[in-house]
Every structure is written in structure tokens, then in C-alpha cells.
């Protein structure tokens, strides 16, 4: 997931940090160093977290933290990891690349920290990626979907990549919705929005769909899209793919599309999770989005057990980001256990590379680039509520 913050400043900050990145990505073992040989001491294991708990994407980060905390409470109730209790050292990056870098460096400097869960969004994760390599501290980002993030050294992710969900959305449009003409609207200044949008358009054309219109906004947090939507309505598109965020697609894009007369399908990516609604809920019917799991999946006992535990602890329904956060901690647990009682940071990293994991958000194998190949859930909005539609398996 990526959210646009102070535009050029964040981009420049991330770029500056990325320039320090170590070369190469590999699924194999990494060379040892004083940093990678750091190991936990005492009777506990510390997992660091860097999440966005304030600012535009706070809802994402807060949900991830609740997922982290639930997983840790369950793990400790069953004796911890390798007989040691687990504790979290949590940092708020405020959705800012510099804040994320500072928070991460603090965690990296603590030799008791064996792994880090986070960051939340793509902009902050891009800033942390080279720092993970330099400190040789395995880091798993639950929801940072941007393709541009360099993973596979010491940075991995729990989620699928932007391009992957864009491709899956195009397949769903062609094979499930049976549309022939599609349009795309995305924010050119936002890597998440533009990345998913371009991936969808490219995949749609390969599948034989006609992309009848491509429109854009200068950012992904505008509030007025009527001009672009009027053109899309006039194009004859049967489906509008609009990869924005819950706080924009819900109150602005979808209602404005309906107000200009667009009655076709609207589809988006995982940023639609927690869609903010306004006005008549029926206007959100025929809206679909790709995501990482569904609470309606009664075939997966891990999903149902997670929901039950989450509700008991938080008195609320878990969202996708809570589920991804939860799986991230269990991925770290699995890696530390495989690495052994005297595991170093390098050992933990090597246990994550190529791992096979079965969690709430699916069963997957980590590919050589540090991203999982996994199924994608499609949810459909019905009378203002997201309802499970189908699961698209990887090809």
C-alpha cells in the first residue's frame, strides 16, 4: 500500500535513502557481518514494528498493530518462541519517509531486535529497504505493494505486488464480469495508484479488452473527478478501474461517477478496504475490489479462528490490514523457530527466503524477489457492505 504525502519531499527523501541500497536481490543465504550476527539475549525475543499510526494512512497502521498484538498474545500464551516470550518494540513513522528511517535505525541499533514487522505503506517501506540491507535485519512489510520497492535481500512482504493485483483485476473483469470495454482513472503523482492502474490497462489489452479511455488526476487525494468521469461515461466503458484509497474512492469517485450517469462496474485494489461511504448505499452496488482475505471464507479454519480471536480481544471486526499484520508476526515466528534457539539476524533472514507459509491471508511460497505468489480475494459491495465474491488463483 502506498499513500502520497508531502509529494516531492517524501519522494526525494525515499530516493535519497534508496541511493544507499546494497546491490542485488537473492533468495539464497546472505554473508555474515557484525550486524547480521546480532542475536537476542535474555529470556525474551524482541520484534520491532514500524507502522503508520498517525496521518492519512493511520487506519492501515492501527489495524496492522492490532494484528501484531493479537498474534504475539497467542504466541506467548502457548509458550513463546523457542521457550522465550515475545515482546514488541513499536514505532510510529507518521507516514513519512524520514520518520520511518529514523524509527528503523533505532530498532536496528538494538541487537535484541531479531526482526521487524512493517512499514505500513510503500513510500515508507521504500525508505527502509536499503536500511534493512545495511543493518542485515530481516524486515517483513505486511501491505507495501509497490513494485518499485527492492525486496529479496533483507526486506520481504506478506502482501502481493501492485502489478499482480492489477493483472488479477483485469482477469476478473474479462472472465467473471464478461465486459469488453474498460476505462482507467488513476493518480499520476502516486506510485500506488498509477502502478496498479497501468498494470490493469496493460493486462486488459493482453486479454483482448478494449481500453476505451484512460484518465488521470494529479494526485490520489483530490476530491473532484467529475470532468474525468464525464469523459469515461461518454466513452462507453462497461467497467471503470479506479485504483485510489478508501478515503477517496468512497466519498468522491464512486458517487461522482454515478452522478454523471455511469451505471457500469467500478473496480479497485486493496486500497478500497474500509471504503468510506456517503449518501445512498445502493450507489456502491456493482463495485468490486481485490484484497488479501475475506471474513466470509468459511472454508479456511485459520480465517475463522483469527476472526473469533480478534473479536474477543478488540470487540470489532478485523480488516485486511489486521489479517496481514497477524500473518506477518507468524511468518517471523516460523522463521525464528526454523533458525534455532541461538538464531542470528542472518539466520532468520535465510529462514524467510523461499519459505512456504500457510496463514489467514492464504498459503504461499516466497519467490526469489521476496514477494509471495498467492491467491487474490475479490469482494463485492452490496448495500454498503463488502461481500465475498470469489478467489482468483495464481496462474
Protein backbone atom coordinates (compact mmCIF):
# COMPACT_ATOMS: atom_id res chain seq x y z
CA UNK A 1 0.00 0.00 0.00
CA UNK A 2 1.19 3.47 -0.76
CA UNK A 3 -0.19 6.86 0.15
CA UNK A 4 1.02 10.18 -1.19
CA UNK A 5 2.36 12.53 1.44
CA UNK A 6 4.06 15.87 1.03
CA UNK A 7 4.68 14.91 -2.56
CA UNK A 8 8.18 15.82 -3.72
CA UNK A 9 9.65 15.87 -0.21
CA UNK A 10 8.72 12.28 0.57
CA UNK A 11 9.73 11.09 -2.87
CA UNK A 12 13.07 12.84 -2.58
CA UNK A 13 13.64 11.50 0.92
CA UNK A 14 12.91 7.96 -0.17
CA UNK A 15 15.08 8.34 -3.25
CA UNK A 16 17.98 9.67 -1.22
CA UNK A 17 17.83 6.73 1.13
CA UNK A 18 17.39 4.28 -1.71
CA UNK A 19 20.61 5.52 -3.26
CA UNK A 20 22.42 3.85 -0.37
CA UNK A 21 20.93 0.45 -1.19
CA UNK A 22 23.19 -2.56 -1.44
CA UNK A 23 23.23 -4.16 -4.88
CA UNK A 24 21.44 -7.33 -5.85
CA UNK A 25 18.46 -9.42 -4.81
CA UNK A 26 18.75 -13.07 -3.93
CA UNK A 27 16.68 -15.84 -2.45
CA UNK A 28 19.80 -17.55 -1.07
CA UNK A 29 21.91 -17.11 2.02
CA UNK A 30 23.48 -13.76 2.86
CA UNK A 31 27.04 -13.15 4.03
CA UNK A 32 27.57 -12.67 7.74
CA UNK A 33 28.59 -9.39 9.40
CA UNK A 34 28.64 -7.85 12.85
CA UNK A 35 25.06 -6.68 12.28
CA UNK A 36 23.72 -9.94 10.92
CA UNK A 37 25.35 -11.94 13.73
CA UNK A 38 23.48 -9.95 16.39
CA UNK A 39 21.24 -12.24 18.40
CA UNK A 40 18.63 -11.97 21.12
CA UNK A 41 19.78 -12.23 24.71
CA UNK A 42 17.92 -12.89 27.90
CA UNK A 43 14.60 -14.65 28.28
CA UNK A 44 12.63 -12.78 25.62
CA UNK A 45 12.61 -12.13 21.88
CA UNK A 46 12.03 -8.62 20.61
CA UNK A 47 10.26 -7.94 17.32
CA UNK A 48 10.37 -4.34 16.20
CA UNK A 49 7.47 -2.71 14.38
CA UNK A 50 7.36 0.43 12.23
CA UNK A 51 3.82 1.42 11.27
CA UNK A 52 1.82 4.48 10.27
CA UNK A 53 -0.32 5.26 13.31
CA UNK A 54 -0.99 8.92 12.55
CA UNK A 55 -1.69 10.87 9.38
CA UNK A 56 -3.61 9.92 6.25
CA UNK A 57 -2.92 6.18 6.42
CA UNK A 58 -3.37 5.80 10.18
CA UNK A 59 -6.26 3.37 9.76
CA UNK A 60 -3.95 0.96 7.98
CA UNK A 61 -1.19 1.13 10.55
CA UNK A 62 -3.51 0.88 13.54
CA UNK A 63 -5.10 -2.24 12.10
CA UNK A 64 -1.70 -3.81 11.49
CA UNK A 65 -0.67 -3.15 15.09
CA UNK A 66 -3.81 -4.87 16.37
CA UNK A 67 -2.94 -7.85 14.20
CA UNK A 68 0.63 -7.85 15.57
CA UNK A 69 -0.58 -7.68 19.15
CA UNK A 70 -3.11 -10.48 18.74
CA UNK A 71 -0.51 -12.79 17.22
CA UNK A 72 2.00 -12.05 19.98
CA UNK A 73 -0.59 -12.64 22.71
CA UNK A 74 -1.45 -16.02 21.18
CA UNK A 75 2.20 -16.98 20.76
CA UNK A 76 3.05 -16.06 24.36
CA UNK A 77 0.02 -17.93 25.67
CA UNK A 78 1.46 -21.06 24.03
CA UNK A 79 4.95 -20.64 25.46
CA UNK A 80 6.51 -18.07 23.15
CA UNK A 81 9.16 -18.79 20.52
CA UNK A 82 11.78 -21.37 21.41
CA UNK A 83 10.63 -21.05 25.02
CA UNK A 84 11.09 -17.27 25.10
CA UNK A 85 8.34 -14.71 25.50
CA UNK A 86 7.88 -12.29 22.61
CA UNK A 87 7.65 -8.55 23.05
CA UNK A 88 7.06 -5.77 20.56
CA UNK A 89 9.04 -2.56 20.30
CA UNK A 90 6.69 -0.32 18.33
CA UNK A 91 7.41 2.89 16.41
CA UNK A 92 5.07 5.32 14.60
CA UNK A 93 6.53 6.65 11.32
CA UNK A 94 3.61 9.08 10.75
CA UNK A 95 3.59 8.04 7.10
CA UNK A 96 6.80 9.99 6.49
CA UNK A 97 9.95 8.56 4.88
CA UNK A 98 12.35 10.41 7.20
CA UNK A 99 10.40 9.42 10.31
CA UNK A 100 10.38 5.81 9.09
CA UNK A 101 14.15 5.84 8.54
CA UNK A 102 14.81 7.28 12.00
CA UNK A 103 12.48 4.78 13.66
CA UNK A 104 14.02 1.89 11.78
CA UNK A 105 17.58 2.90 12.62
CA UNK A 106 16.65 2.97 16.29
CA UNK A 107 15.36 -0.59 16.09
CA UNK A 108 18.34 -1.75 14.04
CA UNK A 109 20.69 -0.40 16.70
CA UNK A 110 19.14 -2.66 19.33
CA UNK A 111 20.82 -6.06 18.99
CA UNK A 112 17.92 -7.70 20.83
CA UNK A 113 15.66 -6.98 17.85
CA UNK A 114 15.73 -10.08 15.64
CA UNK A 115 13.20 -8.92 13.04
CA UNK A 116 10.95 -6.00 12.10
CA UNK A 117 7.30 -6.05 11.03
CA UNK A 118 6.48 -3.10 8.78
CA UNK A 119 6.48 -0.44 7.49
CA UNK A 120 2.85 0.06 6.52
CA UNK A 121 2.88 1.88 3.18
CA UNK A 122 5.07 1.78 0.10
CA UNK A 123 6.63 5.25 0.50
CA UNK A 124 7.98 4.48 3.97
CA UNK A 125 8.93 0.92 3.05
CA UNK A 126 10.99 2.19 0.11
CA UNK A 127 12.93 4.38 2.54
CA UNK A 128 13.57 1.46 4.89
CA UNK A 129 14.57 -1.13 2.25
CA UNK A 130 18.24 -0.13 1.97
CA UNK A 131 18.47 0.27 5.75
CA UNK A 132 17.31 -3.32 6.20
CA UNK A 133 20.13 -4.49 3.91
CA UNK A 134 22.73 -2.31 5.63
CA UNK A 135 21.76 -3.42 9.14
CA UNK A 136 21.12 -7.01 7.98
CA UNK A 137 17.85 -7.04 9.89
CA UNK A 138 15.06 -9.09 8.31
CA UNK A 139 12.03 -6.90 7.70
CA UNK A 140 8.60 -8.03 6.51
CA UNK A 141 6.21 -5.38 5.20
CA UNK A 142 2.61 -6.54 5.62
CA UNK A 143 0.96 -4.32 2.98
CA UNK A 144 3.58 -2.40 0.97
CA UNK A 145 2.51 -3.44 -2.51
CA UNK A 146 4.58 -1.16 -4.78
CA UNK A 147 6.62 -2.98 -7.42
CA UNK A 148 9.37 -0.37 -7.16
CA UNK A 149 10.37 -1.49 -3.66
CA UNK A 150 13.51 -3.62 -3.77
CA UNK A 151 12.82 -6.82 -1.88
CA UNK A 152 14.60 -10.14 -1.53
CA UNK A 153 17.72 -9.20 0.43
CA UNK A 154 16.60 -8.42 3.97
CA UNK A 155 13.22 -6.94 3.03
CA UNK A 156 10.25 -9.18 2.25
CA UNK A 157 6.49 -8.70 2.12
CA UNK A 158 3.36 -10.54 3.19
CA UNK A 159 1.15 -9.00 0.51
CA UNK A 160 1.10 -9.39 -3.26
CA UNK A 161 2.54 -6.67 -5.53
CA UNK A 162 0.63 -3.85 -7.25
CA UNK A 163 1.19 -5.24 -10.73
CA UNK A 164 -0.11 -8.62 -9.63
CA UNK A 165 -3.43 -7.33 -8.33
CA UNK A 166 -3.84 -5.12 -11.40
CA UNK A 167 -3.41 -8.19 -13.60
CA UNK A 168 -5.84 -10.21 -11.48
CA UNK A 169 -8.43 -7.41 -11.68
CA UNK A 170 -8.20 -7.45 -15.47
CA UNK A 171 -8.68 -11.23 -15.50
CA UNK A 172 -11.72 -10.89 -13.24
CA UNK A 173 -13.21 -8.18 -15.47
CA UNK A 174 -12.77 -10.32 -18.58
CA UNK A 175 -13.55 -13.78 -17.24
CA UNK A 176 -16.07 -13.13 -14.46
CA UNK A 177 -17.81 -9.87 -15.37
CA UNK A 178 -17.52 -10.58 -19.11
CA UNK A 179 -17.00 -6.93 -20.05
CA UNK A 180 -15.46 -5.86 -23.34
CA UNK A 181 -14.78 -2.14 -22.83
CA UNK A 182 -12.95 -0.73 -19.81
CA UNK A 183 -11.68 2.66 -18.67
CA UNK A 184 -8.97 3.58 -16.18
CA UNK A 185 -8.71 6.55 -13.81
CA UNK A 186 -5.65 6.95 -11.59
CA UNK A 187 -3.48 9.50 -9.79
CA UNK A 188 -0.31 10.18 -11.75
CA UNK A 189 1.54 11.57 -8.74
CA UNK A 190 1.02 8.46 -6.64
CA UNK A 191 3.10 5.29 -7.28
CA UNK A 192 0.42 3.00 -5.88
CA UNK A 193 -2.45 4.45 -7.90
CA UNK A 194 -0.53 4.81 -11.16
CA UNK A 195 1.28 1.48 -10.77
CA UNK A 196 -1.88 -0.57 -10.30
CA UNK A 197 -3.71 1.43 -12.97
CA UNK A 198 -1.03 0.88 -15.60
CA UNK A 199 -0.77 -2.82 -14.72
CA UNK A 200 -4.53 -3.21 -15.14
CA UNK A 201 -4.58 -1.41 -18.51
CA UNK A 202 -1.67 -3.46 -19.85
CA UNK A 203 -3.20 -6.76 -18.71
CA UNK A 204 -6.64 -5.77 -20.03
CA UNK A 205 -5.24 -5.17 -23.51
CA UNK A 206 -3.41 -8.51 -23.45
CA UNK A 207 -6.69 -10.20 -22.58
CA UNK A 208 -8.38 -8.59 -25.56
CA UNK A 209 -10.33 -5.94 -23.69
CA UNK A 210 -10.66 -2.51 -25.26
CA UNK A 211 -9.32 0.28 -23.04
CA UNK A 212 -11.65 2.99 -24.32
CA UNK A 213 -10.38 5.77 -22.05
CA UNK A 214 -7.52 6.50 -19.67
CA UNK A 215 -7.95 9.48 -17.38
CA UNK A 216 -5.82 10.78 -14.54
CA UNK A 217 -5.68 13.18 -11.63
CA UNK A 218 -2.56 14.97 -10.47
CA UNK A 219 -2.70 13.24 -7.11
CA UNK A 220 -4.53 10.39 -5.43
CA UNK A 221 -6.18 12.58 -2.81
CA UNK A 222 -8.17 15.06 -4.91
CA UNK A 223 -11.86 15.50 -4.15
CA UNK A 224 -13.21 16.44 -7.59
CA UNK A 225 -13.18 13.99 -10.51
CA UNK A 226 -16.34 14.93 -12.41
CA UNK A 227 -14.52 16.16 -15.54
CA UNK A 228 -12.63 12.89 -15.97
CA UNK A 229 -15.70 10.82 -15.14
CA UNK A 230 -17.82 12.59 -17.73
CA UNK A 231 -15.31 11.55 -20.40
CA UNK A 232 -15.35 7.99 -19.12
CA UNK A 233 -19.14 7.94 -19.20
CA UNK A 234 -19.10 9.20 -22.79
CA UNK A 235 -16.52 6.55 -23.82
CA UNK A 236 -18.96 3.66 -23.49
CA UNK A 237 -16.90 1.88 -20.85
CA UNK A 238 -18.64 -1.00 -19.10
CA UNK A 239 -16.17 -1.00 -16.22
CA UNK A 240 -14.17 1.74 -14.57
CA UNK A 241 -10.94 0.70 -12.87
CA UNK A 242 -10.07 3.41 -10.33
CA UNK A 243 -7.14 2.48 -8.06
CA UNK A 244 -7.43 5.02 -5.24
CA UNK A 245 -7.84 4.78 -1.48
CA UNK A 246 -10.85 4.09 0.72
CA UNK A 247 -10.96 7.75 1.77
CA UNK A 248 -11.18 8.97 -1.84
CA UNK A 249 -12.96 6.27 -3.84
CA UNK A 250 -15.78 6.02 -1.30
CA UNK A 251 -16.90 9.63 -0.75
CA UNK A 252 -15.80 11.10 -4.09
CA UNK A 253 -15.06 8.90 -7.10
CA UNK A 254 -17.92 6.41 -6.92
CA UNK A 255 -20.67 8.93 -6.04
CA UNK A 256 -19.40 11.35 -8.71
CA UNK A 257 -19.33 8.54 -11.28
CA UNK A 258 -22.95 7.74 -10.53
CA UNK A 259 -23.90 11.43 -10.61
CA UNK A 260 -22.62 11.81 -14.21
CA UNK A 261 -24.65 8.80 -15.26
CA UNK A 262 -22.08 5.99 -15.17
CA UNK A 263 -24.00 2.81 -14.33
CA UNK A 264 -21.29 0.27 -15.09
CA UNK A 265 -18.97 -1.64 -12.80
CA UNK A 266 -16.40 0.13 -10.64
CA UNK A 267 -13.35 -1.82 -9.53
CA UNK A 268 -10.36 -1.03 -7.40
CA UNK A 269 -7.43 -2.58 -5.49
CA UNK A 270 -6.86 -3.36 -1.82
CA UNK A 271 -6.92 0.37 -1.01
CA UNK A 272 -10.72 0.10 -1.09
CA UNK A 273 -10.65 -1.87 2.15
CA UNK A 274 -12.69 0.08 4.71
CA UNK A 275 -14.37 2.11 1.94
CA UNK A 276 -15.86 5.34 3.33
CA UNK A 277 -19.48 5.62 2.26
CA UNK A 278 -21.69 8.64 1.78
CA UNK A 279 -25.29 9.09 0.73
CA UNK A 280 -27.38 6.29 -0.75
CA UNK A 281 -25.57 2.99 -0.19
CA UNK A 282 -27.08 1.49 -3.33
CA UNK A 283 -24.76 3.67 -5.43
CA UNK A 284 -21.91 1.41 -4.32
CA UNK A 285 -23.52 -1.68 -5.80
CA UNK A 286 -21.56 -3.12 -8.74
CA UNK A 287 -18.32 -2.10 -7.01
CA UNK A 288 -15.62 -4.76 -6.65
CA UNK A 289 -12.12 -4.79 -5.22
CA UNK A 290 -9.21 -7.16 -4.88
CA UNK A 291 -7.87 -7.87 -1.42
CA UNK A 292 -5.98 -10.37 0.68
CA UNK A 293 -8.65 -12.26 2.59
CA UNK A 294 -12.35 -12.39 3.33
CA UNK A 295 -14.10 -12.90 6.64
CA UNK A 296 -16.76 -14.80 4.67
CA UNK A 297 -14.30 -17.55 3.76
CA UNK A 298 -15.81 -20.43 5.72
CA UNK A 299 -13.55 -22.98 4.06
CA UNK A 300 -10.42 -21.76 5.89
CA UNK A 301 -10.36 -22.59 9.60
CA UNK A 302 -7.41 -20.22 10.09
CA UNK A 303 -9.60 -17.34 8.92
CA UNK A 304 -12.46 -18.22 11.23
CA UNK A 305 -10.16 -18.78 14.24
CA UNK A 306 -8.49 -15.42 13.57
CA UNK A 307 -11.80 -13.59 13.37
CA UNK A 308 -13.03 -15.17 16.59
CA UNK A 309 -9.82 -14.28 18.47
CA UNK A 310 -9.72 -10.75 17.04
CA UNK A 311 -13.33 -10.03 18.01
CA UNK A 312 -12.71 -11.36 21.51
CA UNK A 313 -9.68 -9.12 22.00
CA UNK A 314 -10.80 -5.96 20.18
CA UNK A 315 -14.62 -6.14 20.17
CA UNK A 316 -14.55 -5.30 16.45
CA UNK A 317 -14.35 -6.94 13.03
CA UNK A 318 -10.80 -7.33 11.65
CA UNK A 319 -9.96 -5.83 8.28
CA UNK A 320 -7.40 -6.89 5.68
CA UNK A 321 -4.56 -4.96 7.29
CA UNK A 322 -5.13 -6.62 10.65
CA UNK A 323 -5.01 -10.01 8.92
CA UNK A 324 -1.79 -9.13 7.08
CA UNK A 325 -0.22 -7.88 10.30
CA UNK A 326 -1.25 -11.05 12.09
CA UNK A 327 0.28 -13.26 9.38
CA UNK A 328 3.47 -11.20 9.40
CA UNK A 329 4.17 -12.00 13.06
CA UNK A 330 3.53 -15.68 12.47
CA UNK A 331 5.89 -15.62 9.49
CA UNK A 332 8.57 -14.17 11.76
CA UNK A 333 7.78 -16.81 14.40
CA UNK A 334 8.14 -19.60 11.84
CA UNK A 335 11.45 -18.19 10.64
CA UNK A 336 12.93 -17.78 14.13
CA UNK A 337 11.89 -21.30 15.08
CA UNK A 338 13.50 -22.70 11.94
CA UNK A 339 16.65 -20.66 12.59
CA UNK A 340 17.01 -22.22 16.05
CA UNK A 341 17.46 -21.14 19.66
CA UNK A 342 20.65 -19.18 19.02
CA UNK A 343 19.39 -17.58 15.82
CA UNK A 344 21.17 -14.53 14.44
CA UNK A 345 19.57 -11.91 12.23
CA UNK A 346 21.19 -13.60 9.23
CA UNK A 347 19.77 -16.97 10.26
CA UNK A 348 16.28 -15.51 10.50
CA UNK A 349 16.63 -13.83 7.10
CA UNK A 350 17.72 -17.10 5.49
CA UNK A 351 14.71 -18.87 7.04
CA UNK A 352 12.33 -16.31 5.50
CA UNK A 353 13.84 -16.57 2.00
CA UNK A 354 11.89 -19.15 0.00
CA UNK A 355 9.65 -20.02 2.96
CA UNK A 356 6.30 -21.74 2.48
CA UNK A 357 3.67 -20.31 4.78
CA UNK A 358 0.02 -21.09 5.42
CA UNK A 359 -1.85 -18.23 7.06
CA UNK A 360 -5.05 -16.22 7.26
CA UNK A 361 -4.31 -14.39 4.01
CA UNK A 362 -3.51 -17.55 2.12
CA UNK A 363 -0.92 -20.24 1.54
CA UNK A 364 2.13 -19.18 -0.42
CA UNK A 365 5.79 -19.65 -1.21
CA UNK A 366 8.11 -16.65 -1.08
CA UNK A 367 9.57 -16.04 -4.53
CA UNK A 368 13.19 -15.07 -5.25
CA UNK A 369 12.28 -11.39 -5.29
CA UNK A 370 10.92 -11.52 -1.74
CA UNK A 371 7.21 -11.43 -2.63
CA UNK A 372 4.64 -14.20 -2.14
CA UNK A 373 2.82 -15.88 -5.00
CA UNK A 374 -0.69 -16.24 -3.62
CA UNK A 375 -4.41 -16.23 -4.38
CA UNK A 376 -6.37 -12.97 -4.53
CA UNK A 377 -9.78 -12.45 -2.95
CA UNK A 378 -12.41 -10.36 -4.74
CA UNK A 379 -15.06 -8.61 -2.65
CA UNK A 380 -18.28 -7.07 -3.96
CA UNK A 381 -20.15 -4.16 -2.36
CA UNK A 382 -23.79 -4.98 -1.69
CA UNK A 383 -25.97 -2.36 0.00
CA UNK A 384 -22.90 -0.75 1.53
CA UNK A 385 -21.24 -3.93 2.79
CA UNK A 386 -18.29 -5.85 1.30
CA UNK A 387 -19.31 -9.42 0.48
CA UNK A 388 -17.11 -12.28 -0.69
CA UNK A 389 -17.41 -12.86 -4.43
CA UNK A 390 -14.61 -15.23 -5.46
CA UNK A 391 -10.97 -16.18 -5.07
CA UNK A 392 -8.69 -15.87 -8.10
CA UNK A 393 -5.89 -18.41 -8.06
CA UNK A 394 -2.41 -17.60 -9.40
CA UNK A 395 -1.60 -18.79 -12.92
